[in-house]
PDB file of all heavy atoms in Angstrom:
ATOM      1  N   THR A   1       0.821  -1.180   0.016  1.00  0.00           N
ATOM      2  CA  THR A   1      -0.019  -0.016  -0.015  1.00  0.00           C
ATOM      3  C   THR A   1       0.847   1.260   0.007  1.00  0.00           C
ATOM      4  O   THR A   1       0.298   2.399  -0.367  1.00  0.00           O
ATOM      5  CB  THR A   1      -0.919   0.041   1.242  1.00  0.00           C
ATOM      6  OG1 THR A   1      -0.109   0.211   2.436  1.00  0.00           O
ATOM      7  CG2 THR A   1      -1.751  -1.218   1.306  1.00  0.00           C
ATOM      8  N   GLY A   2       2.072   1.210   0.382  1.00  0.00           N
ATOM      9  CA  GLY A   2       2.938   2.441   0.504  1.00  0.00           C
ATOM     10  C   GLY A   2       2.633   3.220   1.757  1.00  0.00           C
ATOM     11  O   GLY A   2       3.217   4.302   1.952  1.00  0.00           O
ATOM     12  N   ARG A   3       1.756   2.734   2.630  1.00  0.00           N
ATOM     13  CA  ARG A   3       1.384   3.444   3.866  1.00  0.00           C
ATOM     14  C   ARG A   3       2.158   2.791   5.014  1.00  0.00           C
ATOM     15  O   ARG A   3       2.847   1.765   4.817  1.00  0.00           O
ATOM     16  CB  ARG A   3      -0.111   3.392   4.127  1.00  0.00           C
ATOM     17  CG  ARG A   3      -0.980   3.916   3.020  1.00  0.00           C
ATOM     18  CD  ARG A   3      -0.548   5.337   2.566  1.00  0.00           C
ATOM     19  NE  ARG A   3      -0.502   6.270   3.658  1.00  0.00           N
ATOM     20  CZ  ARG A   3      -0.183   7.608   3.540  1.00  0.00           C
ATOM     21  NH1 ARG A   3       0.128   8.043   2.251  1.00  0.00           N
ATOM     22  NH2 ARG A   3      -0.122   8.398   4.542  1.00  0.00           N
ATOM     23  N   ARG A   4       2.072   3.360   6.187  1.00  0.00           N
ATOM     24  CA  ARG A   4       2.745   2.938   7.443  1.00  0.00           C
ATOM     25  C   ARG A   4       1.766   2.363   8.374  1.00  0.00           C
ATOM     26  O   ARG A   4       0.665   2.827   8.463  1.00  0.00           O
ATOM     27  CB  ARG A   4       3.518   4.030   7.986  1.00  0.00           C
ATOM     28  CG  ARG A   4       4.778   4.454   7.137  1.00  0.00           C
ATOM     29  CD  ARG A   4       5.474   5.643   7.806  1.00  0.00           C
ATOM     30  NE  ARG A   4       4.745   6.817   7.654  1.00  0.00           N
ATOM     31  CZ  ARG A   4       4.994   7.843   6.706  1.00  0.00           C
ATOM     32  NH1 ARG A   4       6.011   7.586   5.909  1.00  0.00           N
ATOM     33  NH2 ARG A   4       4.316   8.908   6.590  1.00  0.00           N
ATOM     34  N   ILE A   5       2.212   1.322   9.142  1.00  0.00           N
ATOM     35  CA  ILE A   5       1.543   0.851  10.226  1.00  0.00           C
ATOM     36  C   ILE A   5       2.367   0.964  11.472  1.00  0.00           C
ATOM     37  O   ILE A   5       3.555   0.522  11.478  1.00  0.00           O
ATOM     38  CB  ILE A   5       1.074  -0.656  10.005  1.00  0.00           C
ATOM     39  CG1 ILE A   5       0.069  -0.782   8.896  1.00  0.00           C
ATOM     40  CG2 ILE A   5       0.500  -1.251  11.350  1.00  0.00           C
ATOM     41  CD1 ILE A   5      -0.344  -2.197   8.618  1.00  0.00           C
ATOM     42  N   GLY A   6       1.773   1.514  12.576  1.00  0.00           N
ATOM     43  CA  GLY A   6       2.538   1.683  13.757  1.00  0.00           C
ATOM     44  C   GLY A   6       1.989   0.743  14.856  1.00  0.00           C
ATOM     45  O   GLY A   6       0.791   0.282  14.779  1.00  0.00           O
ATOM     46  N   PHE A   7       2.849   0.454  15.839  1.00  0.00           N
ATOM     47  CA  PHE A   7       2.382  -0.424  16.904  1.00  0.00           C
ATOM     48  C   PHE A   7       2.741   0.285  18.266  1.00  0.00           C
ATOM     49  O   PHE A   7       3.834   0.579  18.497  1.00  0.00           O
ATOM     50  CB  PHE A   7       3.010  -1.817  16.883  1.00  0.00           C
ATOM     51  CG  PHE A   7       2.771  -2.496  15.594  1.00  0.00           C
ATOM     52  CD1 PHE A   7       3.567  -2.352  14.467  1.00  0.00           C
ATOM     53  CD2 PHE A   7       1.691  -3.400  15.475  1.00  0.00           C
ATOM     54  CE1 PHE A   7       3.338  -3.013  13.250  1.00  0.00           C
ATOM     55  CE2 PHE A   7       1.380  -4.112  14.260  1.00  0.00           C
ATOM     56  CZ  PHE A   7       2.289  -3.934  13.167  1.00  0.00           C
ATOM     57  N   ILE A   8       1.649   0.474  19.058  1.00  0.00           N
ATOM     58  CA  ILE A   8       1.854   1.057  20.470  1.00  0.00           C
ATOM     59  C   ILE A   8       1.634  -0.120  21.451  1.00  0.00           C
ATOM     60  O   ILE A   8       0.552  -0.604  21.628  1.00  0.00           O
ATOM     61  CB  ILE A   8       0.939   2.241  20.654  1.00  0.00           C
ATOM     62  CG1 ILE A   8       1.266   3.337  19.635  1.00  0.00           C
ATOM     63  CG2 ILE A   8       1.110   2.676  22.142  1.00  0.00           C
ATOM     64  CD1 ILE A   8       0.405   4.585  19.910  1.00  0.00           C
ATOM     65  N   THR A   9       2.718  -0.450  22.119  1.00  0.00           N
ATOM     66  CA  THR A   9       2.746  -1.651  22.946  1.00  0.00           C
ATOM     67  C   THR A   9       3.068  -1.384  24.416  1.00  0.00           C
ATOM     68  O   THR A   9       4.201  -1.706  24.849  1.00  0.00           O
ATOM     69  CB  THR A   9       3.686  -2.650  22.428  1.00  0.00           C
ATOM     70  OG1 THR A   9       5.002  -2.044  22.253  1.00  0.00           O
ATOM     71  CG2 THR A   9       3.230  -3.197  21.047  1.00  0.00           C
ATOM     72  N   PRO A  10       2.209  -0.689  25.163  1.00  0.00           N
ATOM     73  CA  PRO A  10       2.546  -0.400  26.490  1.00  0.00           C
ATOM     74  C   PRO A  10       2.682  -1.614  27.462  1.00  0.00           C
ATOM     75  O   PRO A  10       3.305  -1.460  28.497  1.00  0.00           O
ATOM     76  CB  PRO A  10       1.318   0.450  26.958  1.00  0.00           C
ATOM     77  CG  PRO A  10       0.229  -0.074  26.160  1.00  0.00           C
ATOM     78  CD  PRO A  10       0.801  -0.366  24.818  1.00  0.00           C
ATOM     79  N   LEU A  11       2.133  -2.815  27.010  1.00  0.00           N
ATOM     80  CA  LEU A  11       2.228  -3.894  27.883  1.00  0.00           C
ATOM     81  C   LEU A  11       3.233  -4.958  27.367  1.00  0.00           C
ATOM     82  O   LEU A  11       4.043  -5.431  28.206  1.00  0.00           O
ATOM     83  CB  LEU A  11       0.783  -4.567  27.967  1.00  0.00           C
ATOM     84  CG  LEU A  11      -0.198  -3.634  28.607  1.00  0.00           C
ATOM     85  CD1 LEU A  11      -1.557  -4.125  28.353  1.00  0.00           C
ATOM     86  CD2 LEU A  11       0.094  -3.645  30.160  1.00  0.00           C
ATOM     87  N   THR A  12       3.186  -5.228  26.133  1.00  0.00           N
ATOM     88  CA  THR A  12       4.141  -6.339  25.662  1.00  0.00           C
ATOM     89  C   THR A  12       5.565  -5.811  25.485  1.00  0.00           C
ATOM     90  O   THR A  12       6.551  -6.498  25.573  1.00  0.00           O
ATOM     91  CB  THR A  12       3.663  -7.014  24.372  1.00  0.00           C
ATOM     92  OG1 THR A  12       3.396  -5.957  23.372  1.00  0.00           O
ATOM     93  CG2 THR A  12       2.347  -7.703  24.566  1.00  0.00           C
ATOM     94  N   HIS A  13       5.727  -4.493  25.263  1.00  0.00           N
ATOM     95  CA  HIS A  13       7.007  -3.880  25.027  1.00  0.00           C
ATOM     96  C   HIS A  13       6.825  -2.384  25.273  1.00  0.00           C
ATOM     97  O   HIS A  13       6.313  -1.678  24.455  1.00  0.00           O
ATOM     98  CB  HIS A  13       7.497  -4.074  23.625  1.00  0.00           C
ATOM     99  CG  HIS A  13       8.976  -3.564  23.481  1.00  0.00           C
ATOM    100  ND1 HIS A  13       9.197  -2.252  23.353  1.00  0.00           N
ATOM    101  CD2 HIS A  13      10.114  -4.227  23.325  1.00  0.00           C
ATOM    102  CE1 HIS A  13      10.571  -2.061  23.160  1.00  0.00           C
ATOM    103  NE2 HIS A  13      11.107  -3.292  23.221  1.00  0.00           N
ATOM    104  N   ASN A  14       7.250  -1.938  26.480  1.00  0.00           N
ATOM    105  CA  ASN A  14       6.896  -0.545  26.798  1.00  0.00           C
ATOM    106  C   ASN A  14       7.751   0.430  25.917  1.00  0.00           C
ATOM    107  O   ASN A  14       8.766  -0.033  25.407  1.00  0.00           O
ATOM    108  CB  ASN A  14       7.048  -0.285  28.322  1.00  0.00           C
ATOM    109  CG  ASN A  14       8.513  -0.164  28.802  1.00  0.00           C
ATOM    110  OD1 ASN A  14       9.248   0.540  28.219  1.00  0.00           O
ATOM    111  ND2 ASN A  14       8.746  -0.811  29.923  1.00  0.00           N
ATOM    112  N   PHE A  15       7.289   1.685  25.884  1.00  0.00           N
ATOM    113  CA  PHE A  15       7.906   2.626  25.061  1.00  0.00           C
ATOM    114  C   PHE A  15       8.523   3.793  25.728  1.00  0.00           C
ATOM    115  O   PHE A  15       8.535   4.912  25.273  1.00  0.00           O
ATOM    116  CB  PHE A  15       6.772   3.201  24.083  1.00  0.00           C
ATOM    117  CG  PHE A  15       5.465   3.407  24.763  1.00  0.00           C
ATOM    118  CD1 PHE A  15       5.301   4.461  25.716  1.00  0.00           C
ATOM    119  CD2 PHE A  15       4.397   2.692  24.436  1.00  0.00           C
ATOM    120  CE1 PHE A  15       4.068   4.678  26.310  1.00  0.00           C
ATOM    121  CE2 PHE A  15       3.170   2.926  25.067  1.00  0.00           C
ATOM    122  CZ  PHE A  15       2.993   3.894  25.961  1.00  0.00           C
ATOM    123  N   CYS A  16       9.145   3.389  26.920  1.00  0.00           N
ATOM    124  CA  CYS A  16       9.557   4.497  27.907  1.00  0.00           C
ATOM    125  C   CYS A  16      10.967   4.975  27.590  1.00  0.00           C
ATOM    126  O   CYS A  16      11.325   6.129  28.007  1.00  0.00           O
ATOM    127  CB  CYS A  16       9.554   3.926  29.359  1.00  0.00           C
ATOM    128  SG  CYS A  16       7.832   3.366  29.777  1.00  0.00           S
ATOM    129  N   GLU A  17      11.850   4.216  26.990  1.00  0.00           N
ATOM    130  CA  GLU A  17      13.267   4.585  26.940  1.00  0.00           C
ATOM    131  C   GLU A  17      13.555   5.917  26.269  1.00  0.00           C
ATOM    132  O   GLU A  17      14.486   6.581  26.586  1.00  0.00           O
ATOM    133  CB  GLU A  17      14.093   3.470  26.319  1.00  0.00           C
ATOM    134  CG  GLU A  17      13.877   3.271  24.790  1.00  0.00           C
ATOM    135  CD  GLU A  17      12.721   2.335  24.478  1.00  0.00           C
ATOM    136  OE1 GLU A  17      12.046   1.886  25.472  1.00  0.00           O
ATOM    137  OE2 GLU A  17      12.487   2.024  23.339  1.00  0.00           O
ATOM    138  N   SER A  18      12.675   6.300  25.312  1.00  0.00           N
ATOM    139  CA  SER A  18      12.948   7.578  24.614  1.00  0.00           C
ATOM    140  C   SER A  18      11.723   8.534  24.851  1.00  0.00           C
ATOM    141  O   SER A  18      11.513   9.456  24.016  1.00  0.00           O
ATOM    142  CB  SER A  18      13.052   7.319  23.080  1.00  0.00           C
ATOM    143  OG  SER A  18      11.862   6.622  22.603  1.00  0.00           O
ATOM    144  N   CYS A  19      11.043   8.312  25.960  1.00  0.00           N
ATOM    145  CA  CYS A  19       9.866   9.189  26.210  1.00  0.00           C
ATOM    146  C   CYS A  19      10.173  10.673  26.294  1.00  0.00           C
ATOM    147  O   CYS A  19      11.045  11.147  27.073  1.00  0.00           O
ATOM    148  CB  CYS A  19       9.187   8.784  27.496  1.00  0.00           C
ATOM    149  SG  CYS A  19       7.614   9.671  27.814  1.00  0.00           S
ATOM    150  N   ASN A  20       9.501  11.501  25.454  1.00  0.00           N
ATOM    151  CA  ASN A  20       9.690  12.919  25.455  1.00  0.00           C
ATOM    152  C   ASN A  20       8.355  13.656  25.832  1.00  0.00           C
ATOM    153  O   ASN A  20       8.229  14.870  25.550  1.00  0.00           O
ATOM    154  CB  ASN A  20      10.167  13.323  24.026  1.00  0.00           C
ATOM    155  CG  ASN A  20       9.104  13.042  22.982  1.00  0.00           C
ATOM    156  OD1 ASN A  20       8.177  12.247  23.172  1.00  0.00           O
ATOM    157  ND2 ASN A  20       9.194  13.687  21.828  1.00  0.00           N
ATOM    158  N   ARG A  21       7.407  12.946  26.445  1.00  0.00           N
ATOM    159  CA  ARG A  21       6.031  13.468  26.582  1.00  0.00           C
ATOM    160  C   ARG A  21       5.695  13.683  28.014  1.00  0.00           C
ATOM    161  O   ARG A  21       6.058  12.995  28.939  1.00  0.00           O
ATOM    162  CB  ARG A  21       5.069  12.482  25.986  1.00  0.00           C
ATOM    163  CG  ARG A  21       5.224  12.206  24.532  1.00  0.00           C
ATOM    164  CD  ARG A  21       4.437  11.029  24.068  1.00  0.00           C
ATOM    165  NE  ARG A  21       4.791   9.729  24.626  1.00  0.00           N
ATOM    166  CZ  ARG A  21       5.851   9.058  24.276  1.00  0.00           C
ATOM    167  NH1 ARG A  21       6.729   9.561  23.390  1.00  0.00           N
ATOM    168  NH2 ARG A  21       6.218   7.872  24.825  1.00  0.00           N
ATOM    169  N   VAL A  22       4.820  14.735  28.180  1.00  0.00           N
ATOM    170  CA  VAL A  22       4.056  14.968  29.476  1.00  0.00           C
ATOM    171  C   VAL A  22       2.660  15.270  29.062  1.00  0.00           C
ATOM    172  O   VAL A  22       2.324  15.605  27.965  1.00  0.00           O
ATOM    173  CB  VAL A  22       4.694  16.079  30.305  1.00  0.00           C
ATOM    174  CG1 VAL A  22       6.023  15.603  30.883  1.00  0.00           C
ATOM    175  CG2 VAL A  22       4.811  17.373  29.517  1.00  0.00           C
ATOM    176  N   ARG A  23       1.693  15.096  30.065  1.00  0.00           N
ATOM    177  CA  ARG A  23       0.317  15.160  29.752  1.00  0.00           C
ATOM    178  C   ARG A  23      -0.323  16.150  30.746  1.00  0.00           C
ATOM    179  O   ARG A  23      -0.164  15.980  32.038  1.00  0.00           O
ATOM    180  CB  ARG A  23      -0.431  13.799  29.824  1.00  0.00           C
ATOM    181  CG  ARG A  23       0.097  12.820  28.805  1.00  0.00           C
ATOM    182  CD  ARG A  23      -0.424  11.487  28.981  1.00  0.00           C
ATOM    183  NE  ARG A  23       0.116  10.529  28.021  1.00  0.00           N
ATOM    184  CZ  ARG A  23      -0.469  10.109  26.996  1.00  0.00           C
ATOM    185  NH1 ARG A  23      -1.696  10.471  26.680  1.00  0.00           N
ATOM    186  NH2 ARG A  23       0.180   9.236  26.142  1.00  0.00           N
ATOM    187  N   LEU A  24      -1.086  17.134  30.307  1.00  0.00           N
ATOM    188  CA  LEU A  24      -1.745  18.072  31.069  1.00  0.00           C
ATOM    189  C   LEU A  24      -3.267  17.649  31.052  1.00  0.00           C
ATOM    190  O   LEU A  24      -3.903  17.500  30.019  1.00  0.00           O
ATOM    191  CB  LEU A  24      -1.679  19.475  30.530  1.00  0.00           C
ATOM    192  CG  LEU A  24      -2.313  20.565  31.293  1.00  0.00           C
ATOM    193  CD1 LEU A  24      -1.700  20.804  32.628  1.00  0.00           C
ATOM    194  CD2 LEU A  24      -2.383  21.871  30.466  1.00  0.00           C
ATOM    195  N   THR A  25      -3.847  17.441  32.255  1.00  0.00           N
ATOM    196  CA  THR A  25      -5.252  17.090  32.262  1.00  0.00           C
ATOM    197  C   THR A  25      -6.099  18.330  32.152  1.00  0.00           C
ATOM    198  O   THR A  25      -5.712  19.490  32.247  1.00  0.00           O
ATOM    199  CB  THR A  25      -5.672  16.408  33.555  1.00  0.00           C
ATOM    200  OG1 THR A  25      -5.601  17.362  34.610  1.00  0.00           O
ATOM    201  CG2 THR A  25      -4.631  15.248  33.870  1.00  0.00           C
ATOM    202  N   ALA A  26      -7.438  18.130  31.937  1.00  0.00           N
ATOM    203  CA  ALA A  26      -8.452  19.201  31.902  1.00  0.00           C
ATOM    204  C   ALA A  26      -8.460  19.941  33.148  1.00  0.00           C
ATOM    205  O   ALA A  26      -8.908  21.160  33.165  1.00  0.00           O
ATOM    206  CB  ALA A  26      -9.802  18.652  31.456  1.00  0.00           C
ATOM    207  N   THR A  27      -8.062  19.352  34.276  1.00  0.00           N
ATOM    208  CA  THR A  27      -8.032  20.083  35.577  1.00  0.00           C
ATOM    209  C   THR A  27      -6.722  20.728  35.887  1.00  0.00           C
ATOM    210  O   THR A  27      -6.669  21.362  36.969  1.00  0.00           O
ATOM    211  CB  THR A  27      -8.424  19.079  36.739  1.00  0.00           C
ATOM    212  OG1 THR A  27      -7.357  18.111  36.737  1.00  0.00           O
ATOM    213  CG2 THR A  27      -9.759  18.391  36.528  1.00  0.00           C
ATOM    214  N   GLY A  28      -5.802  20.685  34.948  1.00  0.00           N
ATOM    215  CA  GLY A  28      -4.507  21.351  35.145  1.00  0.00           C
ATOM    216  C   GLY A  28      -3.485  20.531  35.862  1.00  0.00           C
ATOM    217  O   GLY A  28      -2.447  21.088  36.336  1.00  0.00           O
ATOM    218  N   ARG A  29      -3.734  19.237  36.075  1.00  0.00           N
ATOM    219  CA  ARG A  29      -2.696  18.401  36.641  1.00  0.00           C
ATOM    220  C   ARG A  29      -1.760  17.879  35.575  1.00  0.00           C
ATOM    221  O   ARG A  29      -2.231  17.470  34.505  1.00  0.00           O
ATOM    222  CB  ARG A  29      -3.284  17.172  37.433  1.00  0.00           C
ATOM    223  CG  ARG A  29      -4.170  17.629  38.636  1.00  0.00           C
ATOM    224  CD  ARG A  29      -4.161  16.559  39.703  1.00  0.00           C
ATOM    225  NE  ARG A  29      -2.899  16.633  40.369  1.00  0.00           N
ATOM    226  CZ  ARG A  29      -2.549  17.366  41.400  1.00  0.00           C
ATOM    227  NH1 ARG A  29      -3.450  18.233  41.870  1.00  0.00           N
ATOM    228  NH2 ARG A  29      -1.378  17.271  42.041  1.00  0.00           N
ATOM    229  N   LEU A  30      -0.488  18.013  35.871  1.00  0.00           N
ATOM    230  CA  LEU A  30       0.544  17.542  34.830  1.00  0.00           C
ATOM    231  C   LEU A  30       1.049  16.177  35.308  1.00  0.00           C
ATOM    232  O   LEU A  30       1.511  16.004  36.367  1.00  0.00           O
ATOM    233  CB  LEU A  30       1.751  18.552  34.873  1.00  0.00           C
ATOM    234  CG  LEU A  30       2.757  18.120  33.887  1.00  0.00           C
ATOM    235  CD1 LEU A  30       2.316  18.478  32.430  1.00  0.00           C
ATOM    236  CD2 LEU A  30       4.102  18.979  34.139  1.00  0.00           C
ATOM    237  N   TYR A  31       0.801  15.200  34.434  1.00  0.00           N
ATOM    238  CA  TYR A  31       1.278  13.887  34.639  1.00  0.00           C
ATOM    239  C   TYR A  31       2.586  13.651  33.803  1.00  0.00           C
ATOM    240  O   TYR A  31       2.551  13.815  32.579  1.00  0.00           O
ATOM    241  CB  TYR A  31       0.262  12.829  34.316  1.00  0.00           C
ATOM    242  CG  TYR A  31      -0.872  12.664  35.294  1.00  0.00           C
ATOM    243  CD1 TYR A  31      -2.011  13.444  35.272  1.00  0.00           C
ATOM    244  CD2 TYR A  31      -0.721  11.787  36.393  1.00  0.00           C
ATOM    245  CE1 TYR A  31      -2.961  13.376  36.163  1.00  0.00           C
ATOM    246  CE2 TYR A  31      -1.646  11.818  37.433  1.00  0.00           C
ATOM    247  CZ  TYR A  31      -2.753  12.471  37.246  1.00  0.00           C
ATOM    248  OH  TYR A  31      -3.681  12.358  38.288  1.00  0.00           O
ATOM    249  N   MET A  32       3.600  13.356  34.524  1.00  0.00           N
ATOM    250  CA  MET A  32       4.913  13.201  33.831  1.00  0.00           C
ATOM    251  C   MET A  32       5.001  11.760  33.160  1.00  0.00           C
ATOM    252  O   MET A  32       5.922  11.556  32.347  1.00  0.00           O
ATOM    253  CB  MET A  32       6.070  13.334  34.784  1.00  0.00           C
ATOM    254  CG  MET A  32       6.226  14.839  35.235  1.00  0.00           C
ATOM    255  SD  MET A  32       4.957  15.488  36.300  1.00  0.00           S
ATOM    256  CE  MET A  32       5.334  14.711  37.845  1.00  0.00           C
ATOM    257  N   CYS A  33       4.121  10.879  33.550  1.00  0.00           N
ATOM    258  CA  CYS A  33       4.041   9.547  32.956  1.00  0.00           C
ATOM    259  C   CYS A  33       2.577   9.050  32.924  1.00  0.00           C
ATOM    260  O   CYS A  33       1.861   9.237  33.888  1.00  0.00           O
ATOM    261  CB  CYS A  33       4.883   8.587  33.802  1.00  0.00           C
ATOM    262  SG  CYS A  33       4.767   6.850  33.215  1.00  0.00           S
TER     263      CYS A  33
END
């Protein structure tokens, strides 16, 4: 197809080693993980 398929595997293979993300909730709490 020429398209890409990605796999997000938080359980079988976590994706933490290169994590560059943080998450802000609707209430203003910042979760670093």
